[in-house]
Protein backbone atom coordinates (compact mmCIF):
# COMPACT_ATOMS: atom_id res chain seq x y z
CA MET A 1 191.03 182.82 -50.28
CA ASP A 2 192.95 179.87 -49.56
CA GLN A 3 189.97 177.42 -49.00
CA GLU A 4 190.14 173.62 -49.32
CA ARG A 5 187.85 172.21 -51.83
CA PRO A 6 185.73 169.21 -50.59
CA PRO A 7 186.71 165.91 -52.41
CA GLY A 8 183.90 164.76 -54.71
CA GLY A 9 182.87 168.20 -55.61
CA PRO A 10 182.28 169.37 -59.37
CA GLU A 11 185.86 170.51 -59.73
CA SER A 12 186.93 166.72 -59.56
CA ASP A 13 184.75 165.87 -62.49
CA GLY A 14 186.63 165.47 -65.74
CA LEU A 15 183.65 166.80 -67.91
CA TYR A 16 183.66 169.95 -65.57
CA ARG A 17 187.24 170.48 -66.13
CA ALA A 18 187.01 170.08 -70.10
CA ILE A 19 184.14 172.42 -70.23
CA MET A 20 186.23 175.00 -68.34
CA MET A 21 189.07 174.60 -70.51
CA VAL A 22 187.00 175.14 -73.68
CA LEU A 23 185.55 178.24 -72.10
CA VAL A 24 189.02 179.71 -71.17
CA GLY A 25 190.24 178.84 -74.80
CA SER A 26 187.24 180.56 -76.17
CA VAL A 27 187.91 183.69 -74.20
CA MET A 28 191.53 183.59 -75.26
CA VAL A 29 190.66 183.21 -79.02
CA GLY A 30 188.07 186.04 -78.77
CA ALA A 31 190.70 188.24 -77.02
CA VAL A 32 193.13 187.48 -79.85
CA LEU A 33 190.52 188.05 -82.52
CA THR A 34 189.54 191.39 -80.99
CA LEU A 35 193.15 192.61 -80.86
CA THR A 36 194.13 191.49 -84.39
CA GLY A 37 190.98 191.31 -86.26
CA GLU A 38 191.14 194.83 -87.75
CA THR A 39 194.87 195.22 -87.85
CA LEU A 40 195.97 191.78 -89.23
CA PHE A 41 192.90 190.89 -91.26
CA GLY A 42 191.39 194.33 -92.21
CA SER A 43 187.95 193.35 -90.80
CA ARG A 44 186.15 195.39 -88.21
CA PRO A 45 183.28 192.88 -87.93
CA LEU A 46 185.86 189.91 -87.22
CA ALA A 47 187.13 192.10 -84.23
CA ASN A 48 183.54 192.68 -83.00
CA VAL A 49 182.74 189.03 -83.18
CA GLY A 50 185.92 188.29 -81.15
CA LEU A 51 184.90 190.78 -78.54
CA GLY A 52 181.38 189.19 -78.27
CA MET A 53 182.88 185.59 -78.13
CA ALA A 54 185.29 186.66 -75.34
CA VAL A 55 182.47 188.45 -73.32
CA LEU A 56 180.09 185.66 -73.74
CA ALA A 57 182.54 182.81 -72.85
CA GLY A 58 183.90 184.76 -69.76
CA ILE A 59 180.29 185.30 -68.54
CA ALA A 60 179.61 181.48 -68.99
CA TYR A 61 182.88 180.52 -67.30
CA TRP A 62 182.17 182.58 -64.38
CA GLY A 63 178.56 181.49 -64.02
CA LEU A 64 179.69 177.83 -64.26
CA ARG A 65 182.30 178.44 -61.69
CA LEU A 66 179.75 180.01 -59.19
CA LYS A 67 177.17 177.18 -59.79
CA ALA A 68 179.97 174.50 -59.08
CA ARG A 69 180.95 176.32 -55.82
CA ALA A 70 177.43 176.27 -54.70
CA ALA A 71 177.03 172.69 -55.44
CA ALA A 72 180.39 171.89 -53.67
CA ARG A 73 179.03 173.86 -50.66
CA ARG A 74 175.68 171.97 -50.69
CA THR A 75 177.43 168.66 -51.02
CA ALA A 76 179.84 169.35 -48.26
CA LYS A 77 176.83 170.71 -45.96
CA SER A 78 174.85 167.47 -46.71
CA ASP A 79 177.93 165.20 -46.00
CA GLU A 80 178.37 166.97 -42.60
CA SER A 81 174.86 166.49 -41.56
CA GLY A 82 174.64 162.95 -42.88
CA GLU A 83 171.80 163.67 -45.27
CA GLN A 84 171.57 162.29 -48.79
CA PRO A 85 171.87 164.97 -51.48
CA PRO A 86 168.94 165.82 -53.55
CA GLN A 87 168.44 163.44 -56.55
CA ARG A 88 167.86 164.90 -60.01
């Protein structure tokens, strides 16, 4: 699993990294709320919200990560063949 990432892929973009850091932070905050919501604050709904937040942010994180890997592969493949990547 020690693959080199192609230069210029989505991972090198600052906005991509910022979004990923926010999603990781959301998972961590959700996990803390899940674990401490009921015991520390006496609120079961707060613990449930934390669980939902952690799950949704985790799904978004992995979805964005898979999409970025596919885009990097597509970019690397078009660079090898000399084609221009599709314009949006």
